[in-house]
N, C-alpha and C. Protein backbone atom coordinates (compact mmCIF):
# COMPACT_ATOMS: atom_id res chain seq x y z
N UNK A 1 -91.54 99.36 -11.12
CA UNK A 1 -92.10 99.49 -10.10
C UNK A 1 -93.48 100.29 -10.35
N UNK A 2 -94.52 99.63 -9.75
CA UNK A 2 -95.86 100.25 -10.00
C UNK A 2 -95.78 101.68 -9.82
N UNK A 3 -96.24 102.54 -10.96
CA UNK A 3 -96.07 103.73 -10.68
C UNK A 3 -97.00 104.65 -9.73
N UNK A 4 -98.08 103.93 -8.72
CA UNK A 4 -98.73 104.18 -7.69
C UNK A 4 -98.37 103.92 -6.33
N UNK A 5 -96.98 102.87 -6.39
CA UNK A 5 -96.40 102.82 -4.98
C UNK A 5 -95.86 103.84 -4.11
N UNK A 6 -95.00 104.81 -4.92
CA UNK A 6 -94.65 106.06 -4.06
C UNK A 6 -95.97 106.65 -3.35
N UNK A 7 -96.72 106.90 -4.09
CA UNK A 7 -98.01 107.73 -3.64
C UNK A 7 -98.85 106.93 -2.53
N UNK A 8 -98.85 105.72 -2.53
CA UNK A 8 -99.34 104.85 -1.48
C UNK A 8 -98.43 104.58 -0.29
N UNK A 9 -97.38 104.76 -0.63
CA UNK A 9 -96.37 104.95 0.74
C UNK A 9 -96.36 106.07 1.15
N UNK A 10 -96.58 107.53 0.52
CA UNK A 10 -96.45 108.73 1.10
C UNK A 10 -98.08 108.54 2.10
N UNK A 11 -98.92 107.91 1.53
CA UNK A 11 -100.46 108.23 2.48
C UNK A 11 -100.29 107.11 3.44
N UNK A 12 -99.31 106.01 3.54
CA UNK A 12 -99.34 104.90 4.49
C UNK A 12 -98.49 105.96 5.76
N UNK A 13 -97.39 106.64 5.23
CA UNK A 13 -96.60 107.28 6.28
C UNK A 13 -97.29 108.43 7.11
N UNK A 14 -97.95 109.21 5.79
CA UNK A 14 -98.82 110.20 6.85
C UNK A 14 -99.89 109.52 7.54
N UNK A 15 -100.57 108.52 7.56
CA UNK A 15 -101.49 108.04 8.09
C UNK A 15 -100.72 107.29 9.69
N UNK A 16 -99.62 106.79 9.42
CA UNK A 16 -99.06 106.01 10.49
C UNK A 16 -98.43 107.50 11.55
N UNK A 17 -97.70 108.64 11.07
CA UNK A 17 -97.88 109.28 11.49
C UNK A 17 -98.66 110.24 12.27
N UNK A 18 -99.55 110.57 11.77
CA UNK A 18 -100.82 111.35 12.22
C UNK A 18 -101.51 110.39 13.33
N UNK A 19 -101.52 109.24 13.32
CA UNK A 19 -102.33 108.22 14.00
C UNK A 19 -101.40 108.00 15.16
N UNK A 20 -100.40 108.29 15.24
CA UNK A 20 -99.32 107.73 16.46
C UNK A 20 -98.81 109.15 17.04
N UNK A 21 -99.27 110.02 16.47
CA UNK A 21 -98.98 111.20 17.05
C UNK A 21 -100.09 112.01 18.08
N UNK A 22 -100.96 111.44 18.60
CA UNK A 22 -101.75 111.64 19.44
C UNK A 22 -102.63 110.62 19.99
N UNK A 23 -103.18 111.12 21.31
CA UNK A 23 -103.71 109.95 21.62
C UNK A 23 -104.77 109.00 20.84
N UNK A 24 -104.92 107.65 21.04
CA UNK A 24 -105.69 107.14 20.19
C UNK A 24 -107.30 107.71 20.45
N UNK A 25 -108.26 107.15 19.54
CA UNK A 25 -109.57 107.37 19.62
C UNK A 25 -110.24 106.34 20.75
N UNK A 26 -110.90 106.48 21.62
CA UNK A 26 -111.54 105.66 22.38
C UNK A 26 -112.61 105.02 21.68
N UNK A 27 -112.96 103.50 21.93
CA UNK A 27 -113.65 102.47 21.59
C UNK A 27 -114.78 102.30 22.09
N UNK A 28 -115.16 103.26 23.51
CA UNK A 28 -116.32 103.21 24.19
C UNK A 28 -116.88 104.52 24.84
N UNK A 29 -117.60 104.55 25.36
CA UNK A 29 -118.14 105.82 25.83
C UNK A 29 -116.85 106.44 26.84
N UNK A 30 -116.79 105.52 27.70
CA UNK A 30 -115.39 105.84 28.67
C UNK A 30 -115.03 104.52 29.18
N UNK A 31 -113.39 104.94 29.97
CA UNK A 31 -112.86 103.72 30.57
C UNK A 31 -112.39 103.91 31.79
N UNK A 32 -113.05 103.98 33.21
CA UNK A 32 -112.59 104.08 34.18
C UNK A 32 -111.71 103.07 34.59
N UNK A 33 -110.36 103.04 34.96
CA UNK A 33 -109.65 102.30 35.37
C UNK A 33 -109.93 101.17 36.64
N UNK A 34 -109.71 100.03 36.57
CA UNK A 34 -110.20 99.20 37.82
C UNK A 34 -109.07 99.24 38.45
N UNK A 35 -109.46 99.34 39.75
CA UNK A 35 -108.16 99.35 40.93
C UNK A 35 -107.05 98.54 40.76
N UNK A 36 -105.76 98.65 40.47
CA UNK A 36 -104.74 97.62 40.38
C UNK A 36 -104.77 96.82 39.27
N UNK A 37 -105.49 97.15 38.33
CA UNK A 37 -105.49 96.45 36.79
C UNK A 37 -105.59 97.54 35.65
N UNK A 38 -104.99 97.02 34.52
CA UNK A 38 -105.11 98.22 33.55
C UNK A 38 -106.41 97.89 32.83
N UNK A 39 -107.45 97.15 33.19
CA UNK A 39 -108.49 96.88 32.54
C UNK A 39 -109.78 98.02 32.84
N UNK A 40 -110.78 98.23 31.99
CA UNK A 40 -111.63 99.43 32.59
C UNK A 40 -112.47 98.59 33.55
N UNK A 41 -112.86 99.31 34.19
CA UNK A 41 -114.23 98.43 35.27
C UNK A 41 -115.44 98.76 34.50
N UNK A 42 -116.22 97.80 35.12
CA UNK A 42 -117.67 97.66 34.29
C UNK A 42 -118.25 98.94 34.23
N UNK A 43 -118.82 99.53 33.00
CA UNK A 43 -119.47 100.75 32.56
C UNK A 43 -120.67 100.79 33.83
N UNK A 44 -121.41 100.01 33.90
CA UNK A 44 -122.48 99.92 34.84
C UNK A 44 -121.88 100.15 36.44
N UNK A 45 -120.83 99.99 36.47
CA UNK A 45 -120.40 100.38 38.26
C UNK A 45 -120.06 101.90 38.28
N UNK A 46 -119.68 102.49 36.92
CA UNK A 46 -119.44 104.16 36.98
C UNK A 46 -120.68 104.78 37.77
N UNK A 47 -120.04 105.91 38.19
CA UNK A 47 -120.87 106.86 38.86
C UNK A 47 -120.45 108.33 38.73
N UNK A 48 -121.14 109.57 39.09
CA UNK A 48 -120.87 110.63 38.31
C UNK A 48 -119.49 111.16 39.34
N UNK A 49 -119.25 110.37 40.61
CA UNK A 49 -117.83 110.52 41.02
C UNK A 49 -116.94 110.48 40.09
N UNK A 50 -116.78 109.24 39.44
CA UNK A 50 -115.72 108.98 38.47
C UNK A 50 -115.22 109.91 37.59
N UNK A 51 -116.33 111.25 37.28
CA UNK A 51 -116.12 111.96 36.49
C UNK A 51 -116.26 113.41 36.87
N UNK A 52 -115.75 113.73 38.24
CA UNK A 52 -115.67 115.02 38.81
C UNK A 52 -114.68 115.08 39.42
N UNK A 53 -113.39 116.07 39.48
CA UNK A 53 -112.36 116.20 40.14
C UNK A 53 -112.19 117.82 41.04
N UNK A 54 -112.41 117.55 41.87
CA UNK A 54 -112.34 118.89 42.89
C UNK A 54 -110.92 119.30 43.54
N UNK A 55 -109.70 119.04 42.90
CA UNK A 55 -108.53 119.52 43.34
C UNK A 55 -107.98 120.43 42.83
N UNK A 56 -108.69 121.52 42.10
CA UNK A 56 -108.14 122.79 41.50
C UNK A 56 -109.12 123.89 41.92
N UNK A 57 -109.89 123.58 43.39
CA UNK A 57 -110.96 124.82 43.67
C UNK A 57 -109.86 125.88 44.09
N UNK A 58 -108.52 125.65 44.64
CA UNK A 58 -108.12 126.79 45.09
C UNK A 58 -106.19 126.44 44.93
N UNK A 59 -105.68 127.54 44.82
CA UNK A 59 -103.88 127.49 44.65
C UNK A 59 -103.16 126.36 45.36
N UNK A 60 -102.37 125.68 44.50
CA UNK A 60 -101.67 124.41 45.30
C UNK A 60 -100.73 125.08 46.23
N UNK A 61 -99.48 124.16 46.24
CA UNK A 61 -98.28 125.05 47.19
C UNK A 61 -97.48 125.54 46.16
N UNK A 62 -96.75 126.97 46.33
CA UNK A 62 -95.78 127.55 45.65
C UNK A 62 -94.49 127.14 45.96
N UNK A 63 -93.81 127.21 44.84
CA UNK A 63 -92.67 126.91 44.61
C UNK A 63 -91.93 128.13 44.71
N UNK A 64 -90.40 127.77 44.83
CA UNK A 64 -89.39 128.89 45.07
C UNK A 64 -89.53 130.06 43.81
N UNK A 65 -89.72 129.24 42.97
CA UNK A 65 -90.02 130.46 41.74
C UNK A 65 -91.43 131.09 41.44
N UNK A 66 -92.05 130.84 42.46
CA UNK A 66 -93.23 131.85 42.56
C UNK A 66 -94.61 131.02 41.73
N UNK A 67 -94.39 129.63 41.57
CA UNK A 67 -95.58 129.05 41.00
C UNK A 67 -96.18 127.85 41.60
N UNK A 68 -97.47 127.88 41.57
CA UNK A 68 -98.26 126.83 42.25
C UNK A 68 -98.95 126.23 40.96
N UNK A 69 -98.22 124.81 40.46
CA UNK A 69 -99.09 124.62 39.13
C UNK A 69 -100.03 122.87 39.84
N UNK A 70 -101.06 122.88 39.40
CA UNK A 70 -101.63 121.74 40.03
C UNK A 70 -102.35 120.89 38.37
N UNK A 71 -101.61 119.92 38.20
CA UNK A 71 -101.98 119.04 36.80
C UNK A 71 -103.64 118.44 37.05
N UNK A 72 -104.32 118.11 36.47
CA UNK A 72 -105.18 117.15 36.15
C UNK A 72 -105.26 116.62 35.13
N UNK A 73 -104.64 115.10 35.04
CA UNK A 73 -104.23 114.56 34.05
C UNK A 73 -104.73 113.06 34.65
N UNK A 74 -104.73 111.96 33.83
CA UNK A 74 -105.11 110.71 34.15
C UNK A 74 -104.66 110.29 34.92
N UNK A 75 -103.44 110.45 35.53
CA UNK A 75 -102.79 109.83 37.09
C UNK A 75 -103.35 109.83 38.18
N UNK A 76 -103.90 111.29 38.21
CA UNK A 76 -105.10 111.55 39.14
C UNK A 76 -106.24 111.86 39.30
N UNK A 77 -106.67 111.59 37.97
CA UNK A 77 -107.94 111.84 37.71
C UNK A 77 -108.50 111.01 36.47
N UNK A 78 -108.73 109.47 36.93
CA UNK A 78 -108.86 108.42 36.26
C UNK A 78 -110.18 108.65 35.15
N UNK A 79 -111.27 109.37 35.46
CA UNK A 79 -111.73 109.74 34.72
C UNK A 79 -111.62 110.05 33.17
N UNK A 80 -110.20 110.62 33.06
CA UNK A 80 -110.04 111.21 31.42
C UNK A 80 -109.31 110.23 31.31
N UNK A 81 -109.38 108.72 31.44
CA UNK A 81 -108.47 107.61 30.67
C UNK A 81 -109.27 107.48 29.61
N UNK A 82 -108.79 107.38 28.10
CA UNK A 82 -108.91 107.19 27.00
C UNK A 82 -109.53 108.54 26.36
N UNK A 83 -109.88 109.60 26.67
CA UNK A 83 -110.65 111.03 26.43
C UNK A 83 -109.74 111.67 25.69
N UNK A 84 -108.39 111.57 25.81
CA UNK A 84 -107.57 112.63 24.99
C UNK A 84 -107.49 113.69 25.41
N UNK A 85 -107.66 114.08 26.73
CA UNK A 85 -107.32 115.39 27.19
C UNK A 85 -106.99 115.47 28.72
N UNK A 86 -106.42 116.68 29.21
CA UNK A 86 -106.34 117.13 30.72
C UNK A 86 -106.07 118.60 30.64
N UNK A 87 -105.68 118.75 32.05
CA UNK A 87 -106.07 120.13 32.48
C UNK A 87 -105.10 121.00 33.41
N UNK A 88 -104.61 122.08 33.54
CA UNK A 88 -103.73 122.44 34.70
C UNK A 88 -104.27 123.83 35.35
N UNK A 89 -103.92 124.05 36.37
CA UNK A 89 -104.54 125.20 36.86
C UNK A 89 -103.13 125.77 37.42
N UNK A 90 -102.83 126.99 37.04
CA UNK A 90 -101.14 127.53 37.91
C UNK A 90 -101.41 128.73 37.85
N UNK A 91 -100.99 129.18 39.43
CA UNK A 91 -101.21 130.24 39.85
C UNK A 91 -99.84 131.29 39.80
N UNK A 92 -99.66 132.17 40.12
CA UNK A 92 -98.05 132.85 39.97
C UNK A 92 -98.43 133.90 41.09
N UNK A 93 -97.38 134.19 41.81
CA UNK A 93 -97.16 134.82 42.73
C UNK A 93 -96.66 136.52 41.75
N UNK A 94 -96.92 137.71 42.57
CA UNK A 94 -96.25 138.73 41.84
C UNK A 94 -94.53 138.46 41.35
N UNK A 95 -94.29 138.32 40.03
CA UNK A 95 -92.85 137.94 39.68
C UNK A 95 -92.83 136.44 39.43
N UNK A 96 -93.86 135.50 39.61
CA UNK A 96 -93.55 134.34 39.70
C UNK A 96 -93.36 133.88 38.43
N UNK A 97 -92.55 132.68 37.97
CA UNK A 97 -92.33 132.21 36.65
C UNK A 97 -92.77 130.62 36.56
N UNK A 98 -93.15 130.33 35.27
CA UNK A 98 -92.93 128.81 34.77
C UNK A 98 -92.15 129.01 34.07
N UNK A 99 -90.90 127.67 34.58
CA UNK A 99 -89.66 128.23 33.74
C UNK A 99 -89.98 127.37 32.42
N UNK A 100 -88.80 127.69 31.73
CA UNK A 100 -88.91 127.02 30.24
C UNK A 100 -88.80 125.58 30.33
N UNK A 101 -89.86 125.10 29.45
CA UNK A 101 -90.55 123.69 29.43
C UNK A 101 -91.35 123.21 28.44
N UNK A 102 -91.51 122.13 28.06
CA UNK A 102 -92.09 121.75 26.99
C UNK A 102 -92.79 120.11 27.40
N UNK A 103 -94.17 119.96 26.57
CA UNK A 103 -94.95 119.03 26.97
C UNK A 103 -94.82 118.13 25.62
N UNK A 104 -94.08 116.98 25.83
CA UNK A 104 -93.82 116.09 24.43
C UNK A 104 -94.83 115.27 23.80
N UNK A 105 -96.07 115.17 24.47
CA UNK A 105 -97.32 114.52 24.11
C UNK A 105 -98.49 115.41 23.68
N UNK A 106 -98.47 116.95 23.91
CA UNK A 106 -99.69 117.50 23.56
C UNK A 106 -99.47 119.19 23.21
N UNK A 107 -100.20 119.43 22.52
CA UNK A 107 -100.49 120.99 22.33
C UNK A 107 -101.19 121.31 23.58
N UNK A 108 -100.79 122.71 24.15
CA UNK A 108 -101.41 123.45 25.44
C UNK A 108 -102.29 124.56 24.73
N UNK A 109 -103.22 125.10 25.22
CA UNK A 109 -104.07 126.09 24.82
C UNK A 109 -104.29 126.84 26.32
N UNK A 110 -103.75 128.11 26.65
CA UNK A 110 -103.77 128.40 28.08
C UNK A 110 -104.98 129.77 27.92
N UNK A 111 -105.37 129.83 29.25
CA UNK A 111 -106.79 130.92 29.10
C UNK A 111 -106.36 131.88 30.48
N UNK A 112 -105.96 132.93 30.13
CA UNK A 112 -105.66 133.86 31.38
C UNK A 112 -107.03 133.97 32.13
N UNK A 113 -107.14 133.39 33.55
CA UNK A 113 -108.29 133.95 34.41
C UNK A 113 -108.03 135.13 35.05
N UNK A 114 -106.75 135.63 35.67
CA UNK A 114 -106.56 136.84 36.33
C UNK A 114 -105.12 137.00 36.22
N UNK A 115 -105.06 138.35 35.90
CA UNK A 115 -103.35 138.93 35.84
C UNK A 115 -103.15 139.20 34.33
N UNK A 116 -101.73 139.56 34.65
CA UNK A 116 -101.00 139.54 33.26
C UNK A 116 -99.73 138.70 33.36
N UNK A 117 -99.85 138.22 32.29
CA UNK A 117 -98.60 137.34 32.35
C UNK A 117 -98.01 137.43 30.93
N UNK A 118 -96.43 137.22 31.19
CA UNK A 118 -95.61 137.36 30.01
C UNK A 118 -95.29 136.17 29.37
N UNK A 119 -95.84 135.34 28.04
CA UNK A 119 -96.12 134.35 27.59
C UNK A 119 -95.83 134.38 26.29
N UNK A 120 -94.78 132.62 26.08
CA UNK A 120 -94.48 132.54 24.92
C UNK A 120 -93.80 131.43 24.37
N UNK A 121 -93.34 130.80 23.40
CA UNK A 121 -92.87 129.66 23.00
C UNK A 121 -91.66 130.07 21.74
N UNK A 122 -90.73 129.04 21.58
CA UNK A 122 -89.83 129.26 20.88
C UNK A 122 -89.72 127.96 19.74
N UNK A 123 -89.75 128.67 18.37
CA UNK A 123 -89.96 127.24 17.62
C UNK A 123 -88.66 126.56 17.23
N UNK A 124 -88.56 125.53 16.11
CA UNK A 124 -87.39 124.78 16.15
C UNK A 124 -86.29 125.69 15.12
N UNK A 125 -86.91 127.05 14.87
CA UNK A 125 -85.75 127.71 14.13
C UNK A 125 -85.14 128.87 14.86
N UNK A 126 -85.48 129.06 16.30
CA UNK A 126 -85.30 129.88 17.42
C UNK A 126 -85.89 130.67 17.32
N UNK A 127 -86.87 130.87 16.71
CA UNK A 127 -87.85 132.30 16.63
C UNK A 127 -88.59 132.23 18.01
N UNK A 128 -88.65 133.37 18.54
CA UNK A 128 -89.49 133.59 19.92
C UNK A 128 -90.74 134.33 19.44
N UNK A 129 -91.90 133.52 19.95
CA UNK A 129 -93.25 134.30 19.52
C UNK A 129 -93.82 134.43 21.31
N UNK A 130 -93.70 135.97 21.86
CA UNK A 130 -94.05 135.99 23.06
C UNK A 130 -94.54 137.62 23.25
N UNK A 131 -95.65 137.46 24.16
CA UNK A 131 -96.45 138.94 24.45
C UNK A 131 -97.23 138.87 25.85
N UNK A 132 -97.16 139.90 26.16
CA UNK A 132 -98.05 140.00 27.74
C UNK A 132 -99.52 139.43 26.90
N UNK A 133 -99.91 138.50 28.00
CA UNK A 133 -101.41 138.35 27.71
C UNK A 133 -102.01 138.58 28.85
N UNK A 134 -103.61 139.12 28.80
CA UNK A 134 -104.14 139.64 30.09
C UNK A 134 -105.38 138.76 30.15
N UNK A 135 -105.99 139.19 31.35
CA UNK A 135 -107.24 138.50 31.63
C UNK A 135 -108.30 138.38 30.53
N UNK A 136 -108.68 137.16 30.17
CA UNK A 136 -109.81 136.71 28.85
C UNK A 136 -109.02 136.47 27.91
N UNK A 137 -107.86 136.34 27.66
CA UNK A 137 -107.03 136.07 26.27
C UNK A 137 -106.54 134.72 26.72
N UNK A 138 -106.04 134.28 25.40
CA UNK A 138 -105.93 132.99 25.36
C UNK A 138 -104.52 132.89 24.41
N UNK A 139 -103.36 131.79 24.43
CA UNK A 139 -102.46 131.71 23.89
C UNK A 139 -102.23 130.24 23.73
N UNK A 140 -101.48 129.73 22.55
CA UNK A 140 -101.33 128.24 22.49
C UNK A 140 -100.21 127.85 21.91
N UNK A 141 -99.99 126.96 22.96
CA UNK A 141 -98.11 126.54 22.83
C UNK A 141 -98.11 125.02 21.65
N UNK A 142 -97.65 124.95 20.92
CA UNK A 142 -97.52 123.69 19.92
C UNK A 142 -96.96 122.66 20.79
N UNK A 143 -97.54 121.64 20.51
CA UNK A 143 -96.98 120.27 21.01
C UNK A 143 -95.35 120.19 20.99
N UNK A 144 -94.46 120.15 21.90
CA UNK A 144 -93.45 119.49 21.96
C UNK A 144 -92.34 120.80 22.06
N UNK A 145 -93.00 122.22 21.64
CA UNK A 145 -92.26 123.27 21.58
C UNK A 145 -91.81 123.99 23.24
N UNK A 146 -90.49 124.39 23.54
CA UNK A 146 -90.28 125.09 24.51
C UNK A 146 -91.20 126.20 24.98
N UNK A 147 -91.97 126.35 25.87
CA UNK A 147 -92.81 127.69 26.25
C UNK A 147 -92.47 128.10 27.67
N UNK A 148 -93.12 129.16 28.02
CA UNK A 148 -92.67 129.87 29.39
C UNK A 148 -93.64 130.64 29.92
N UNK A 149 -93.34 131.02 30.90
CA UNK A 149 -94.58 132.45 31.43
C UNK A 149 -93.94 133.03 32.59
N UNK A 150 -94.36 134.24 32.84
CA UNK A 150 -93.85 135.06 33.71
C UNK A 150 -95.12 136.09 34.29
N UNK A 151 -95.43 136.22 35.40
CA UNK A 151 -96.31 137.26 36.00
C UNK A 151 -95.77 138.71 36.06
N UNK A 152 -96.11 139.55 35.11
CA UNK A 152 -95.75 140.71 34.96
C UNK A 152 -96.45 142.02 35.62
N UNK A 153 -97.65 141.60 36.34
CA UNK A 153 -98.47 142.37 36.86
C UNK A 153 -98.08 142.87 38.04
N UNK A 154 -99.00 143.61 38.79
CA UNK A 154 -98.94 144.04 40.40
C UNK A 154 -99.61 143.05 41.59
N UNK A 155 -100.35 142.18 40.70
CA UNK A 155 -100.93 141.04 41.68
C UNK A 155 -100.99 139.63 41.31
N UNK A 156 -101.21 139.02 42.05
CA UNK A 156 -101.08 137.31 41.75
C UNK A 156 -102.15 136.90 40.36
N UNK A 157 -101.71 136.19 39.43
CA UNK A 157 -102.36 135.90 38.36
C UNK A 157 -102.47 134.19 38.21
N UNK A 158 -103.49 134.10 37.69
CA UNK A 158 -104.14 132.44 37.43
C UNK A 158 -104.12 132.17 36.02
N UNK A 159 -103.71 131.06 35.43
CA UNK A 159 -103.81 130.67 34.18
C UNK A 159 -104.53 129.07 34.10
N UNK A 160 -105.48 128.39 33.62
CA UNK A 160 -106.16 127.51 33.33
C UNK A 160 -105.62 126.92 31.78
N UNK A 161 -105.07 125.56 31.79
CA UNK A 161 -104.80 125.08 30.68
C UNK A 161 -105.39 123.60 30.33
N UNK A 162 -105.46 123.77 28.92
CA UNK A 162 -105.89 122.40 28.59
C UNK A 162 -104.78 121.77 27.45
N UNK A 163 -105.09 120.40 27.47
CA UNK A 163 -104.00 119.67 26.48
C UNK A 163 -105.02 118.77 25.78
N UNK A 164 -104.39 118.27 24.51
CA UNK A 164 -104.97 117.24 23.74
C UNK A 164 -104.52 116.06 24.22
N UNK A 165 -104.27 115.65 25.37
CA UNK A 165 -103.54 114.34 25.71
C UNK A 165 -103.93 113.95 27.33
N UNK A 166 -104.29 112.93 27.36
CA UNK A 166 -104.72 112.45 28.75
C UNK A 166 -103.56 112.71 29.74
N UNK A 167 -102.40 112.39 29.37
CA UNK A 167 -100.95 112.55 29.97
C UNK A 167 -99.94 113.28 29.05
N UNK A 168 -100.02 114.62 29.01
CA UNK A 168 -99.05 115.39 28.14
C UNK A 168 -97.52 114.93 28.41
N UNK A 169 -97.25 114.79 29.69
CA UNK A 169 -95.65 114.87 29.78
C UNK A 169 -95.24 116.25 30.28
N UNK A 170 -94.26 116.26 31.06
CA UNK A 170 -93.56 117.78 31.84
C UNK A 170 -91.95 117.43 31.47
N UNK A 171 -91.50 118.14 30.68
CA UNK A 171 -90.03 118.25 30.73
C UNK A 171 -89.66 119.94 30.98
N UNK A 172 -89.03 120.11 32.35
CA UNK A 172 -88.57 121.26 32.66
C UNK A 172 -86.70 121.28 32.23
N UNK A 173 -86.79 122.36 31.37
CA UNK A 173 -85.34 122.19 30.77
C UNK A 173 -84.04 122.39 32.09
N UNK A 174 -84.25 123.10 32.77
CA UNK A 174 -83.26 123.17 33.64
C UNK A 174 -82.95 121.90 34.66
N UNK A 175 -83.98 121.37 34.85
CA UNK A 175 -83.93 119.89 35.50
C UNK A 175 -83.62 118.84 34.56
N UNK A 176 -83.81 118.87 33.43
CA UNK A 176 -83.68 117.90 32.46
C UNK A 176 -82.07 118.10 32.13
N UNK A 177 -81.48 119.18 31.99
CA UNK A 177 -80.39 119.18 32.09
C UNK A 177 -79.21 119.04 33.26
N UNK A 178 -79.52 119.98 34.10
CA UNK A 178 -78.58 119.75 35.65
C UNK A 178 -78.93 118.85 36.43
N UNK A 179 -80.01 118.05 36.46
CA UNK A 179 -80.62 117.50 37.14
C UNK A 179 -80.97 115.82 37.16
N UNK A 180 -80.41 115.64 35.85
CA UNK A 180 -80.58 114.17 35.31
C UNK A 180 -79.21 113.38 35.15
N UNK A 181 -78.14 113.85 35.45
CA UNK A 181 -77.22 113.13 35.58
C UNK A 181 -76.16 113.16 34.24
N UNK A 182 -76.15 114.12 33.41
CA UNK A 182 -75.55 114.10 32.23
C UNK A 182 -74.04 114.65 32.73
N UNK A 183 -73.03 113.94 31.56
CA UNK A 183 -71.83 113.82 31.86
C UNK A 183 -71.20 115.20 32.34
N UNK A 184 -70.70 115.72 33.33
CA UNK A 184 -70.23 117.22 33.43
C UNK A 184 -69.29 117.60 32.36
N UNK A 185 -68.47 116.88 31.77
CA UNK A 185 -67.37 117.51 31.07
C UNK A 185 -68.45 117.69 30.00
N UNK A 186 -69.30 116.94 29.42
CA UNK A 186 -70.37 117.48 28.20
C UNK A 186 -70.84 119.04 28.73
N UNK A 187 -71.18 119.26 29.89
CA UNK A 187 -71.98 120.34 30.22
C UNK A 187 -70.97 121.32 30.57
N UNK A 188 -69.97 121.07 30.56
CA UNK A 188 -68.82 122.27 30.64
C UNK A 188 -68.33 122.90 29.36
N UNK A 189 -68.58 122.35 28.32
CA UNK A 189 -68.32 122.11 26.93
C UNK A 189 -69.57 122.83 26.20
N UNK A 190 -70.68 122.55 26.78
CA UNK A 190 -71.93 122.85 26.17
C UNK A 190 -72.40 124.16 26.41
N UNK A 191 -71.85 124.68 27.75
CA UNK A 191 -72.61 125.91 28.53
C UNK A 191 -71.32 126.74 28.89
N UNK A 192 -69.94 126.35 28.96
CA UNK A 192 -69.00 127.26 29.31
C UNK A 192 -68.69 127.38 30.75
N UNK A 193 -69.21 126.26 31.34
CA UNK A 193 -69.07 126.82 32.59
C UNK A 193 -68.15 125.48 33.71
N UNK A 194 -67.62 125.90 34.67
CA UNK A 194 -66.56 125.31 35.34
C UNK A 194 -67.33 124.13 36.11
N UNK A 195 -66.67 123.59 36.74
CA UNK A 195 -67.32 122.46 37.51
C UNK A 195 -67.93 122.65 38.73
N UNK A 196 -67.31 124.07 39.41
CA UNK A 196 -68.07 124.34 40.35
C UNK A 196 -69.45 125.18 40.45
N UNK A 197 -69.42 125.63 39.05
CA UNK A 197 -70.69 126.12 38.64
C UNK A 197 -71.83 125.05 38.39
N UNK A 198 -71.34 124.19 37.97
CA UNK A 198 -72.30 123.08 37.61
C UNK A 198 -72.46 122.41 38.50
N UNK A 199 -71.89 122.23 39.97
CA UNK A 199 -72.12 121.69 41.16
C UNK A 199 -73.19 122.02 41.59
N UNK A 200 -73.06 123.90 41.45
CA UNK A 200 -74.36 124.54 42.13
C UNK A 200 -75.39 124.46 41.35
N UNK A 201 -75.46 124.36 40.06
CA UNK A 201 -77.02 124.24 39.55
C UNK A 201 -77.33 122.65 39.69
N UNK A 202 -76.49 121.76 39.78
CA UNK A 202 -77.06 120.30 39.59
C UNK A 202 -77.71 120.25 41.32
N UNK A 203 -77.03 121.01 42.37
CA UNK A 203 -77.81 120.91 43.65
C UNK A 203 -79.10 121.67 43.60
N UNK A 204 -79.11 122.60 42.96
CA UNK A 204 -80.60 123.44 42.88
C UNK A 204 -81.37 122.37 42.20
N UNK A 205 -80.88 122.06 40.93
CA UNK A 205 -82.22 121.24 40.03
C UNK A 205 -82.26 119.79 40.24
N UNK A 206 -81.45 119.38 41.37
CA UNK A 206 -81.85 117.71 41.44
C UNK A 206 -83.16 117.47 42.01
N UNK A 207 -83.27 116.21 41.41
CA UNK A 207 -84.85 115.47 41.85
C UNK A 207 -84.91 115.48 43.43
N UNK A 208 -86.05 116.15 43.73
CA UNK A 208 -86.28 116.09 45.38
C UNK A 208 -86.80 114.59 45.88
């Protein structure tokens, strides 16, 4: 075997992993999707309206957890297509939470616009990295790691988040576990719950 072959294989694998691990680099200035088809519309037909989104001027609708989150990804803002980034506005009522979740395709960086947020993530060794961050502070959540937030102040709070993917994805842990139809016996053994308790959780976290 050629002595350089293992080294070349390592470089090849590294290139494959890094190139597939994030959004691909665009091959044009922008790509506004044409209505109903996957191709980009002619760049000469693009206008400034394609690159402006006004849907996060105000908080969205609050959930029962006290969170109103408005995502700005390629699905609702086509101007982001091929640009490898997206955004979110998250508003918290006093005591409101953003339940444990993760983004499978993106690292997130969160900026506290107003308030005090207990914020953190858990790594693959089950170590927790968490603290209260205040107005003007920033925290980063590595791609694919579980993270969470809670308003611990005495006033509403707002966070602005940025992602390095046009469509970062969102997996909420309670919904994924109890709202996806996983076999009940497995859940009983995994969490030490009885069928009545599981039924209650399934009802709470079932898709609406």
